[in-house]
Amino acid sequence: MTLIVFAIAAAAEIAGCFAVWMWMRHEASSLWLVPALISLGVFAWLLTLAPSEFAGRSYAAYGGVYIATSLAWLWVIEKQRPDPWDLTGAAICLVGAGIILFGSRPV
């Protein structure tokens, strides 16, 4: 369930940042800021659902999922297929995120 929450949070964060990107970099209407604020608010709320005692650990694990979701965004929304270097880097990050999130901790 945690990975699903992280993936949805990543999509919300990327959508919010993309909306700001469109407004600032492509001179789109300032109305792009409305979905940006909503998406970024949803992103922040979703991260609070992560089952971790420490926010920093949760955010570190989320980072790996964010990278993978960013590459999916690149492919699906921006129509740019990730290259082997992108995929290798994302795989390494996901392994690291899994270790951080699911690693055994002393009680």
PDB file of N, CA and C in Angstrom:
ATOM      1  N   MET A   1       0.822  -1.198   0.000  1.00  0.00           N
ATOM      2  CA  MET A   1       0.000   0.000   0.000  1.00  0.00           C
ATOM      3  C   MET A   1       0.869   1.267   0.000  1.00  0.00           C
ATOM      4  N   THR A   2       1.994   1.206   0.716  1.00  0.00           N
ATOM      5  CA  THR A   2       2.885   2.369   0.800  1.00  0.00           C
ATOM      6  C   THR A   2       3.379   2.782  -0.575  1.00  0.00           C
ATOM      7  N   LEU A   3       3.758   1.813  -1.393  1.00  0.00           N
ATOM      8  CA  LEU A   3       4.261   2.146  -2.728  1.00  0.00           C
ATOM      9  C   LEU A   3       3.190   2.789  -3.581  1.00  0.00           C
ATOM     10  N   ILE A   4       1.936   2.378  -3.413  1.00  0.00           N
ATOM     11  CA  ILE A   4       0.837   2.989  -4.159  1.00  0.00           C
ATOM     12  C   ILE A   4       0.642   4.433  -3.721  1.00  0.00           C
ATOM     13  N   VAL A   5       0.653   4.666  -2.416  1.00  0.00           N
ATOM     14  CA  VAL A   5       0.527   6.039  -1.901  1.00  0.00           C
ATOM     15  C   VAL A   5       1.676   6.895  -2.409  1.00  0.00           C
ATOM     16  N   PHE A   6       2.898   6.353  -2.368  1.00  0.00           N
ATOM     17  CA  PHE A   6       4.050   7.100  -2.865  1.00  0.00           C
ATOM     18  C   PHE A   6       3.911   7.400  -4.359  1.00  0.00           C
ATOM     19  N   ALA A   7       3.444   6.443  -5.136  1.00  0.00           N
ATOM     20  CA  ALA A   7       3.297   6.663  -6.580  1.00  0.00           C
ATOM     21  C   ALA A   7       2.251   7.737  -6.869  1.00  0.00           C
ATOM     22  N   ILE A   8       1.144   7.713  -6.149  1.00  0.00           N
ATOM     23  CA  ILE A   8       0.118   8.746  -6.339  1.00  0.00           C
ATOM     24  C   ILE A   8       0.643  10.101  -5.874  1.00  0.00           C
ATOM     25  N   ALA A   9       1.372  10.114  -4.757  1.00  0.00           N
ATOM     26  CA  ALA A   9       1.970  11.367  -4.275  1.00  0.00           C
ATOM     27  C   ALA A   9       2.949  11.924  -5.295  1.00  0.00           C
ATOM     28  N   ALA A  10       3.753  11.049  -5.876  1.00  0.00           N
ATOM     29  CA  ALA A  10       4.719  11.491  -6.883  1.00  0.00           C
ATOM     30  C   ALA A  10       4.010  12.070  -8.094  1.00  0.00           C
ATOM     31  N   ALA A  11       2.946  11.418  -8.548  1.00  0.00           N
ATOM     32  CA  ALA A  11       2.196  11.938  -9.695  1.00  0.00           C
ATOM     33  C   ALA A  11       1.602  13.313  -9.367  1.00  0.00           C
ATOM     34  N   ALA A  12       1.098  13.474  -8.145  1.00  0.00           N
ATOM     35  CA  ALA A  12       0.544  14.772  -7.745  1.00  0.00           C
ATOM     36  C   ALA A  12       1.638  15.840  -7.683  1.00  0.00           C
ATOM     37  N   GLU A  13       2.798  15.481  -7.140  1.00  0.00           N
ATOM     38  CA  GLU A  13       3.892  16.447  -7.060  1.00  0.00           C
ATOM     39  C   GLU A  13       4.371  16.837  -8.460  1.00  0.00           C
ATOM     40  N   ILE A  14       4.545  15.850  -9.317  1.00  0.00           N
ATOM     41  CA  ILE A  14       5.021  16.133 -10.665  1.00  0.00           C
ATOM     42  C   ILE A  14       4.004  16.972 -11.425  1.00  0.00           C
ATOM     43  N   ALA A  15       2.714  16.650 -11.292  1.00  0.00           N
ATOM     44  CA  ALA A  15       1.672  17.435 -11.966  1.00  0.00           C
ATOM     45  C   ALA A  15       1.679  18.879 -11.477  1.00  0.00           C
ATOM     46  N   GLY A  16       1.823  19.066 -10.170  1.00  0.00           N
ATOM     47  CA  GLY A  16       1.861  20.428  -9.621  1.00  0.00           C
ATOM     48  C   GLY A  16       3.070  21.194 -10.098  1.00  0.00           C
ATOM     49  N   CYS A  17       4.213  20.558 -10.079  1.00  0.00           N
ATOM     50  CA  CYS A  17       5.435  21.222 -10.546  1.00  0.00           C
ATOM     51  C   CYS A  17       5.382  21.469 -12.050  1.00  0.00           C
ATOM     52  N   PHE A  18       4.792  20.532 -12.794  1.00  0.00           N
ATOM     53  CA  PHE A  18       4.655  20.709 -14.237  1.00  0.00           C
ATOM     54  C   PHE A  18       3.767  21.908 -14.552  1.00  0.00           C
ATOM     55  N   ALA A  19       2.702  22.083 -13.781  1.00  0.00           N
ATOM     56  CA  ALA A  19       1.814  23.232 -13.995  1.00  0.00           C
ATOM     57  C   ALA A  19       2.564  24.549 -13.755  1.00  0.00           C
ATOM     58  N   VAL A  20       3.390  24.608 -12.716  1.00  0.00           N
ATOM     59  CA  VAL A  20       4.203  25.804 -12.472  1.00  0.00           C
ATOM     60  C   VAL A  20       5.212  25.978 -13.604  1.00  0.00           C
ATOM     61  N   TRP A  21       5.802  24.870 -14.054  1.00  0.00           N
ATOM     62  CA  TRP A  21       6.750  24.887 -15.172  1.00  0.00           C
ATOM     63  C   TRP A  21       6.089  25.514 -16.411  1.00  0.00           C
ATOM     64  N   MET A  22       4.871  25.069 -16.699  1.00  0.00           N
ATOM     65  CA  MET A  22       4.161  25.600 -17.872  1.00  0.00           C
ATOM     66  C   MET A  22       3.938  27.108 -17.721  1.00  0.00           C
ATOM     67  N   TRP A  23       3.542  27.526 -16.536  1.00  0.00           N
ATOM     68  CA  TRP A  23       3.280  28.943 -16.293  1.00  0.00           C
ATOM     69  C   TRP A  23       4.557  29.773 -16.425  1.00  0.00           C
ATOM     70  N   MET A  24       5.625  29.306 -15.815  1.00  0.00           N
ATOM     71  CA  MET A  24       6.856  30.102 -15.791  1.00  0.00           C
ATOM     72  C   MET A  24       7.695  29.956 -17.058  1.00  0.00           C
ATOM     73  N   ARG A  25       7.834  28.748 -17.575  1.00  0.00           N
ATOM     74  CA  ARG A  25       8.742  28.512 -18.695  1.00  0.00           C
ATOM     75  C   ARG A  25       8.092  28.673 -20.059  1.00  0.00           C
ATOM     76  N   HIS A  26       6.783  28.469 -20.103  1.00  0.00           N
ATOM     77  CA  HIS A  26       6.090  28.534 -21.384  1.00  0.00           C
ATOM     78  C   HIS A  26       5.049  29.641 -21.421  1.00  0.00           C
ATOM     79  N   GLU A  27       5.116  30.509 -20.436  1.00  0.00           N
ATOM     80  CA  GLU A  27       4.234  31.680 -20.354  1.00  0.00           C
ATOM     81  C   GLU A  27       2.765  31.313 -20.500  1.00  0.00           C
ATOM     82  N   ALA A  28       2.380  30.203 -19.915  1.00  0.00           N
ATOM     83  CA  ALA A  28       0.979  29.793 -19.912  1.00  0.00           C
ATOM     84  C   ALA A  28       0.204  30.694 -18.948  1.00  0.00           C
ATOM     85  N   SER A  29      -1.085  30.615 -19.024  1.00  0.00           N
ATOM     86  CA  SER A  29      -1.965  31.421 -18.172  1.00  0.00           C
ATOM     87  C   SER A  29      -1.664  31.173 -16.691  1.00  0.00           C
ATOM     88  N   SER A  30      -1.877  32.207 -15.896  1.00  0.00           N
ATOM     89  CA  SER A  30      -1.687  32.061 -14.451  1.00  0.00           C
ATOM     90  C   SER A  30      -2.724  31.113 -13.846  1.00  0.00           C
ATOM     91  N   LEU A  31      -3.737  30.759 -14.612  1.00  0.00           N
ATOM     92  CA  LEU A  31      -4.713  29.771 -14.141  1.00  0.00           C
ATOM     93  C   LEU A  31      -4.070  28.401 -13.931  1.00  0.00           C
ATOM     94  N   TRP A  32      -2.907  28.169 -14.540  1.00  0.00           N
ATOM     95  CA  TRP A  32      -2.165  26.927 -14.307  1.00  0.00           C
ATOM     96  C   TRP A  32      -1.769  26.795 -12.833  1.00  0.00           C
ATOM     97  N   LEU A  33      -1.737  27.912 -12.111  1.00  0.00           N
ATOM     98  CA  LEU A  33      -1.337  27.860 -10.705  1.00  0.00           C
ATOM     99  C   LEU A  33      -2.409  27.226  -9.820  1.00  0.00           C
ATOM    100  N   VAL A  34      -3.658  27.241 -10.254  1.00  0.00           N
ATOM    101  CA  VAL A  34      -4.734  26.633  -9.464  1.00  0.00           C
ATOM    102  C   VAL A  34      -4.533  25.121  -9.359  1.00  0.00           C
ATOM    103  N   PRO A  35      -4.423  24.393 -10.486  1.00  0.00           N
ATOM    104  CA  PRO A  35      -4.167  22.956 -10.330  1.00  0.00           C
ATOM    105  C   PRO A  35      -2.808  22.669  -9.687  1.00  0.00           C
ATOM    106  N   ALA A  36      -1.850  23.591  -9.869  1.00  0.00           N
ATOM    107  CA  ALA A  36      -0.544  23.409  -9.230  1.00  0.00           C
ATOM    108  C   ALA A  36      -0.695  23.384  -7.708  1.00  0.00           C
ATOM    109  N   LEU A  37      -1.401  24.346  -7.168  1.00  0.00           N
ATOM    110  CA  LEU A  37      -1.582  24.413  -5.714  1.00  0.00           C
ATOM    111  C   LEU A  37      -2.365  23.210  -5.187  1.00  0.00           C
ATOM    112  N   ILE A  38      -3.397  22.826  -5.912  1.00  0.00           N
ATOM    113  CA  ILE A  38      -4.188  21.664  -5.481  1.00  0.00           C
ATOM    114  C   ILE A  38      -3.336  20.400  -5.513  1.00  0.00           C
ATOM    115  N   SER A  39      -2.624  20.190  -6.611  1.00  0.00           N
ATOM    116  CA  SER A  39      -1.787  18.994  -6.739  1.00  0.00           C
ATOM    117  C   SER A  39      -0.713  18.939  -5.670  1.00  0.00           C
ATOM    118  N   LEU A  40      -0.070  20.063  -5.409  1.00  0.00           N
ATOM    119  CA  LEU A  40       1.001  20.072  -4.405  1.00  0.00           C
ATOM    120  C   LEU A  40       0.445  19.882  -2.998  1.00  0.00           C
ATOM    121  N   GLY A  41      -0.768  20.367  -2.751  1.00  0.00           N
ATOM    122  CA  GLY A  41      -1.413  20.112  -1.459  1.00  0.00           C
ATOM    123  C   GLY A  41      -1.742  18.637  -1.277  1.00  0.00           C
ATOM    124  N   VAL A  42      -2.262  18.007  -2.329  1.00  0.00           N
ATOM    125  CA  VAL A  42      -2.567  16.570  -2.285  1.00  0.00           C
ATOM    126  C   VAL A  42      -1.281  15.774  -2.063  1.00  0.00           C
ATOM    127  N   PHE A  43      -0.224  16.152  -2.763  1.00  0.00           N
ATOM    128  CA  PHE A  43       1.075  15.497  -2.599  1.00  0.00           C
ATOM    129  C   PHE A  43       1.524  15.531  -1.137  1.00  0.00           C
ATOM    130  N   ALA A  44       1.498  16.706  -0.532  1.00  0.00           N
ATOM    131  CA  ALA A  44       1.962  16.838   0.852  1.00  0.00           C
ATOM    132  C   ALA A  44       1.099  16.008   1.802  1.00  0.00           C
ATOM    133  N   TRP A  45      -0.199  16.011   1.595  1.00  0.00           N
ATOM    134  CA  TRP A  45      -1.094  15.234   2.450  1.00  0.00           C
ATOM    135  C   TRP A  45      -0.800  13.743   2.313  1.00  0.00           C
ATOM    136  N   LEU A  46      -0.622  13.278   1.084  1.00  0.00           N
ATOM    137  CA  LEU A  46      -0.365  11.853   0.872  1.00  0.00           C
ATOM    138  C   LEU A  46       0.909  11.387   1.567  1.00  0.00           C
ATOM    139  N   LEU A  47       1.926  12.224   1.587  1.00  0.00           N
ATOM    140  CA  LEU A  47       3.163  11.808   2.262  1.00  0.00           C
ATOM    141  C   LEU A  47       2.962  11.599   3.758  1.00  0.00           C
ATOM    142  N   THR A  48       1.968  12.257   4.340  1.00  0.00           N
ATOM    143  CA  THR A  48       1.713  12.056   5.771  1.00  0.00           C
ATOM    144  C   THR A  48       1.139  10.665   6.052  1.00  0.00           C
ATOM    145  N   LEU A  49       0.689   9.973   5.023  1.00  0.00           N
ATOM    146  CA  LEU A  49       0.105   8.638   5.195  1.00  0.00           C
ATOM    147  C   LEU A  49       1.148   7.529   5.232  1.00  0.00           C
ATOM    148  N   ALA A  50       2.391   7.864   4.952  1.00  0.00           N
ATOM    149  CA  ALA A  50       3.454   6.855   4.935  1.00  0.00           C
ATOM    150  C   ALA A  50       3.669   6.299   6.342  1.00  0.00           C
ATOM    151  N   PRO A  51       3.787   4.971   6.450  1.00  0.00           N
ATOM    152  CA  PRO A  51       3.932   4.341   7.767  1.00  0.00           C
ATOM    153  C   PRO A  51       5.368   4.389   8.285  1.00  0.00           C
ATOM    154  N   SER A  52       5.818   5.547   8.642  1.00  0.00           N
ATOM    155  CA  SER A  52       7.172   5.690   9.167  1.00  0.00           C
ATOM    156  C   SER A  52       7.130   6.567  10.403  1.00  0.00           C
ATOM    157  N   GLU A  53       7.965   6.243  11.355  1.00  0.00           N
ATOM    158  CA  GLU A  53       8.040   7.040  12.576  1.00  0.00           C
ATOM    159  C   GLU A  53       8.751   8.368  12.345  1.00  0.00           C
ATOM    160  N   PHE A  54       9.528   8.455  11.260  1.00  0.00           N
ATOM    161  CA  PHE A  54      10.323   9.646  11.001  1.00  0.00           C
ATOM    162  C   PHE A  54      10.070  10.155   9.595  1.00  0.00           C
ATOM    163  N   ALA A  55       9.770  11.429   9.483  1.00  0.00           N
ATOM    164  CA  ALA A  55       9.466  12.031   8.187  1.00  0.00           C
ATOM    165  C   ALA A  55      10.643  11.916   7.226  1.00  0.00           C
ATOM    166  N   GLY A  56      11.846  12.142   7.698  1.00  0.00           N
ATOM    167  CA  GLY A  56      13.010  12.099   6.829  1.00  0.00           C
ATOM    168  C   GLY A  56      13.206  10.752   6.172  1.00  0.00           C
ATOM    169  N   ARG A  57      12.973   9.682   6.921  1.00  0.00           N
ATOM    170  CA  ARG A  57      13.105   8.337   6.359  1.00  0.00           C
ATOM    171  C   ARG A  57      12.025   8.091   5.307  1.00  0.00           C
ATOM    172  N   SER A  58      10.836   8.544   5.598  1.00  0.00           N
ATOM    173  CA  SER A  58       9.745   8.397   4.643  1.00  0.00           C
ATOM    174  C   SER A  58      10.048   9.168   3.361  1.00  0.00           C
ATOM    175  N   TYR A  59      10.535  10.385   3.497  1.00  0.00           N
ATOM    176  CA  TYR A  59      10.845  11.208   2.319  1.00  0.00           C
ATOM    177  C   TYR A  59      11.995  10.607   1.518  1.00  0.00           C
ATOM    178  N   ALA A  60      12.958  10.028   2.199  1.00  0.00           N
ATOM    179  CA  ALA A  60      14.079   9.399   1.493  1.00  0.00           C
ATOM    180  C   ALA A  60      13.589   8.214   0.665  1.00  0.00           C
ATOM    181  N   ALA A  61      12.735   7.390   1.255  1.00  0.00           N
ATOM    182  CA  ALA A  61      12.184   6.254   0.515  1.00  0.00           C
ATOM    183  C   ALA A  61      11.301   6.734  -0.630  1.00  0.00           C
ATOM    184  N   TYR A  62      10.539   7.774  -0.388  1.00  0.00           N
ATOM    185  CA  TYR A  62       9.678   8.350  -1.420  1.00  0.00           C
ATOM    186  C   TYR A  62      10.498   8.821  -2.619  1.00  0.00           C
ATOM    187  N   GLY A  63      11.705   9.293  -2.369  1.00  0.00           N
ATOM    188  CA  GLY A  63      12.551   9.808  -3.443  1.00  0.00           C
ATOM    189  C   GLY A  63      12.772   8.809  -4.561  1.00  0.00           C
ATOM    190  N   GLY A  64      12.956   7.553  -4.229  1.00  0.00           N
ATOM    191  CA  GLY A  64      13.142   6.530  -5.253  1.00  0.00           C
ATOM    192  C   GLY A  64      11.897   6.347  -6.109  1.00  0.00           C
ATOM    193  N   VAL A  65      10.744   6.342  -5.462  1.00  0.00           N
ATOM    194  CA  VAL A  65       9.486   6.213  -6.192  1.00  0.00           C
ATOM    195  C   VAL A  65       9.261   7.451  -7.055  1.00  0.00           C
ATOM    196  N   TYR A  66       9.625   8.618  -6.539  1.00  0.00           N
ATOM    197  CA  TYR A  66       9.492   9.862  -7.302  1.00  0.00           C
ATOM    198  C   TYR A  66      10.307   9.792  -8.600  1.00  0.00           C
ATOM    199  N   ILE A  67      11.508   9.275  -8.513  1.00  0.00           N
ATOM    200  CA  ILE A  67      12.363   9.171  -9.703  1.00  0.00           C
ATOM    201  C   ILE A  67      11.717   8.262 -10.746  1.00  0.00           C
ATOM    202  N   ALA A  68      11.232   7.114 -10.320  1.00  0.00           N
ATOM    203  CA  ALA A  68      10.589   6.191 -11.261  1.00  0.00           C
ATOM    204  C   ALA A  68       9.328   6.817 -11.868  1.00  0.00           C
ATOM    205  N   THR A  69       8.541   7.488 -11.049  1.00  0.00           N
ATOM    206  CA  THR A  69       7.323   8.134 -11.541  1.00  0.00           C
ATOM    207  C   THR A  69       7.661   9.270 -12.500  1.00  0.00           C
ATOM    208  N   SER A  70       8.752   9.985 -12.235  1.00  0.00           N
ATOM    209  CA  SER A  70       9.184  11.055 -13.136  1.00  0.00           C
ATOM    210  C   SER A  70       9.514  10.505 -14.515  1.00  0.00           C
ATOM    211  N   LEU A  71      10.145   9.340 -14.555  1.00  0.00           N
ATOM    212  CA  LEU A  71      10.459   8.736 -15.844  1.00  0.00           C
ATOM    213  C   LEU A  71       9.199   8.251 -16.557  1.00  0.00           C
ATOM    214  N   ALA A  72       8.227   7.777 -15.804  1.00  0.00           N
ATOM    215  CA  ALA A  72       6.944   7.415 -16.412  1.00  0.00           C
ATOM    216  C   ALA A  72       6.274   8.664 -16.992  1.00  0.00           C
ATOM    217  N   TRP A  73       6.340   9.777 -16.259  1.00  0.00           N
ATOM    218  CA  TRP A  73       5.804  11.061 -16.752  1.00  0.00           C
ATOM    219  C   TRP A  73       6.512  11.462 -18.044  1.00  0.00           C
ATOM    220  N   LEU A  74       7.828  11.351 -18.044  1.00  0.00           N
ATOM    221  CA  LEU A  74       8.621  11.674 -19.228  1.00  0.00           C
ATOM    222  C   LEU A  74       8.107  10.895 -20.436  1.00  0.00           C
ATOM    223  N   TRP A  75       7.840   9.614 -20.225  1.00  0.00           N
ATOM    224  CA  TRP A  75       7.432   8.740 -21.310  1.00  0.00           C
ATOM    225  C   TRP A  75       5.977   8.989 -21.733  1.00  0.00           C
ATOM    226  N   VAL A  76       5.066   9.014 -20.767  1.00  0.00           N
ATOM    227  CA  VAL A  76       3.633   9.088 -21.070  1.00  0.00           C
ATOM    228  C   VAL A  76       3.183  10.499 -21.439  1.00  0.00           C
ATOM    229  N   ILE A  77       3.583  11.490 -20.674  1.00  0.00           N
ATOM    230  CA  ILE A  77       3.092  12.859 -20.877  1.00  0.00           C
ATOM    231  C   ILE A  77       3.952  13.623 -21.880  1.00  0.00           C
ATOM    232  N   GLU A  78       5.273  13.502 -21.734  1.00  0.00           N
ATOM    233  CA  GLU A  78       6.169  14.279 -22.593  1.00  0.00           C
ATOM    234  C   GLU A  78       6.619  13.523 -23.845  1.00  0.00           C
ATOM    235  N   LYS A  79       6.166  12.280 -23.964  1.00  0.00           N
ATOM    236  CA  LYS A  79       6.434  11.463 -25.160  1.00  0.00           C
ATOM    237  C   LYS A  79       7.926  11.275 -25.448  1.00  0.00           C
ATOM    238  N   GLN A  80       8.730  11.185 -24.388  1.00  0.00           N
ATOM    239  CA  GLN A  80      10.167  10.908 -24.503  1.00  0.00           C
ATOM    240  C   GLN A  80      10.461   9.596 -23.786  1.00  0.00           C
ATOM    241  N   ARG A  81      10.863   8.609 -24.546  1.00  0.00           N
ATOM    242  CA  ARG A  81      11.145   7.300 -23.955  1.00  0.00           C
ATOM    243  C   ARG A  81      12.419   7.366 -23.108  1.00  0.00           C
ATOM    244  N   PRO A  82      12.348   6.890 -21.859  1.00  0.00           N
ATOM    245  CA  PRO A  82      13.560   6.846 -21.038  1.00  0.00           C
ATOM    246  C   PRO A  82      14.627   5.964 -21.689  1.00  0.00           C
ATOM    247  N   ASP A  83      15.879   6.389 -21.584  1.00  0.00           N
ATOM    248  CA  ASP A  83      16.960   5.600 -22.166  1.00  0.00           C
ATOM    249  C   ASP A  83      17.488   4.600 -21.133  1.00  0.00           C
ATOM    250  N   PRO A  84      18.393   3.717 -21.534  1.00  0.00           N
ATOM    251  CA  PRO A  84      18.912   2.708 -20.594  1.00  0.00           C
ATOM    252  C   PRO A  84      19.552   3.321 -19.345  1.00  0.00           C
ATOM    253  N   TRP A  85      20.184   4.482 -19.472  1.00  0.00           N
ATOM    254  CA  TRP A  85      20.773   5.134 -18.300  1.00  0.00           C
ATOM    255  C   TRP A  85      19.695   5.593 -17.331  1.00  0.00           C
ATOM    256  N   ASP A  86      18.599   6.124 -17.864  1.00  0.00           N
ATOM    257  CA  ASP A  86      17.470   6.522 -17.015  1.00  0.00           C
ATOM    258  C   ASP A  86      16.931   5.321 -16.245  1.00  0.00           C
ATOM    259  N   LEU A  87      16.722   4.230 -16.956  1.00  0.00           N
ATOM    260  CA  LEU A  87      16.135   3.037 -16.336  1.00  0.00           C
ATOM    261  C   LEU A  87      17.066   2.401 -15.318  1.00  0.00           C
ATOM    262  N   THR A  88      18.351   2.376 -15.615  1.00  0.00           N
ATOM    263  CA  THR A  88      19.324   1.826 -14.673  1.00  0.00           C
ATOM    264  C   THR A  88      19.372   2.667 -13.397  1.00  0.00           C
ATOM    265  N   GLY A  89      19.433   3.971 -13.566  1.00  0.00           N
ATOM    266  CA  GLY A  89      19.454   4.864 -12.404  1.00  0.00           C
ATOM    267  C   GLY A  89      18.200   4.727 -11.561  1.00  0.00           C
ATOM    268  N   ALA A  90      17.049   4.637 -12.211  1.00  0.00           N
ATOM    269  CA  ALA A  90      15.792   4.484 -11.475  1.00  0.00           C
ATOM    270  C   ALA A  90      15.762   3.159 -10.718  1.00  0.00           C
ATOM    271  N   ALA A  91      16.253   2.096 -11.336  1.00  0.00           N
ATOM    272  CA  ALA A  91      16.276   0.794 -10.664  1.00  0.00           C
ATOM    273  C   ALA A  91      17.147   0.837  -9.412  1.00  0.00           C
ATOM    274  N   ILE A  92      18.300   1.460  -9.527  1.00  0.00           N
ATOM    275  CA  ILE A  92      19.188   1.589  -8.364  1.00  0.00           C
ATOM    276  C   ILE A  92      18.493   2.376  -7.253  1.00  0.00           C
ATOM    277  N   CYS A  93      17.832   3.457  -7.627  1.00  0.00           N
ATOM    278  CA  CYS A  93      17.131   4.278  -6.630  1.00  0.00           C
ATOM    279  C   CYS A  93      15.989   3.527  -5.973  1.00  0.00           C
ATOM    280  N   LEU A  94      15.260   2.733  -6.744  1.00  0.00           N
ATOM    281  CA  LEU A  94      14.161   1.958  -6.165  1.00  0.00           C
ATOM    282  C   LEU A  94      14.671   0.901  -5.195  1.00  0.00           C
ATOM    283  N   VAL A  95      15.790   0.292  -5.508  1.00  0.00           N
ATOM    284  CA  VAL A  95      16.383  -0.663  -4.557  1.00  0.00           C
ATOM    285  C   VAL A  95      16.745   0.074  -3.262  1.00  0.00           C
ATOM    286  N   GLY A  96      17.373   1.213  -3.396  1.00  0.00           N
ATOM    287  CA  GLY A  96      17.721   2.006  -2.210  1.00  0.00           C
ATOM    288  C   GLY A  96      16.497   2.423  -1.411  1.00  0.00           C
ATOM    289  N   ALA A  97      15.453   2.843  -2.103  1.00  0.00           N
ATOM    290  CA  ALA A  97      14.216   3.237  -1.421  1.00  0.00           C
ATOM    291  C   ALA A  97      13.618   2.059  -0.665  1.00  0.00           C
ATOM    292  N   GLY A  98      13.642   0.881  -1.288  1.00  0.00           N
ATOM    293  CA  GLY A  98      13.121  -0.311  -0.622  1.00  0.00           C
ATOM    294  C   GLY A  98      13.901  -0.665   0.628  1.00  0.00           C
ATOM    295  N   ILE A  99      15.213  -0.528   0.551  1.00  0.00           N
ATOM    296  CA  ILE A  99      16.053  -0.799   1.725  1.00  0.00           C
ATOM    297  C   ILE A  99      15.720   0.175   2.848  1.00  0.00           C
ATOM    298  N   ILE A 100      15.585   1.456   2.510  1.00  0.00           N
ATOM    299  CA  ILE A 100      15.274   2.463   3.526  1.00  0.00           C
ATOM    300  C   ILE A 100      13.897   2.203   4.138  1.00  0.00           C
ATOM    301  N   LEU A 101      12.912   1.928   3.296  1.00  0.00           N
ATOM    302  CA  LEU A 101      11.536   1.803   3.781  1.00  0.00           C
ATOM    303  C   LEU A 101      11.283   0.491   4.522  1.00  0.00           C
ATOM    304  N   PHE A 102      11.808  -0.594   3.991  1.00  0.00           N
ATOM    305  CA  PHE A 102      11.448  -1.905   4.526  1.00  0.00           C
ATOM    306  C   PHE A 102      12.563  -2.581   5.331  1.00  0.00           C
ATOM    307  N   GLY A 103      13.683  -1.898   5.498  1.00  0.00           N
ATOM    308  CA  GLY A 103      14.793  -2.474   6.250  1.00  0.00           C
ATOM    309  C   GLY A 103      14.425  -2.728   7.702  1.00  0.00           C
ATOM    310  N   SER A 104      15.019  -3.759   8.262  1.00  0.00           N
ATOM    311  CA  SER A 104      14.779  -4.101   9.656  1.00  0.00           C
ATOM    312  C   SER A 104      15.399  -3.056  10.563  1.00  0.00           C
ATOM    313  N   ARG A 105      14.654  -2.587  11.531  1.00  0.00           N
ATOM    314  CA  ARG A 105      15.117  -1.578  12.474  1.00  0.00           C
ATOM    315  C   ARG A 105      15.132  -2.160  13.896  1.00  0.00           C
ATOM    316  N   PRO A 106      16.148  -1.800  14.662  1.00  0.00           N
ATOM    317  CA  PRO A 106      16.153  -2.260  16.057  1.00  0.00           C
ATOM    318  C   PRO A 106      14.985  -1.622  16.826  1.00  0.00           C
ATOM    319  N   VAL A 107      14.436  -2.393  17.730  1.00  0.00           N
ATOM    320  CA  VAL A 107      13.284  -1.908  18.506  1.00  0.00           C
ATOM    321  C   VAL A 107      13.716  -1.151  19.698  1.00  0.00           C
TER     322      VAL A 107
END
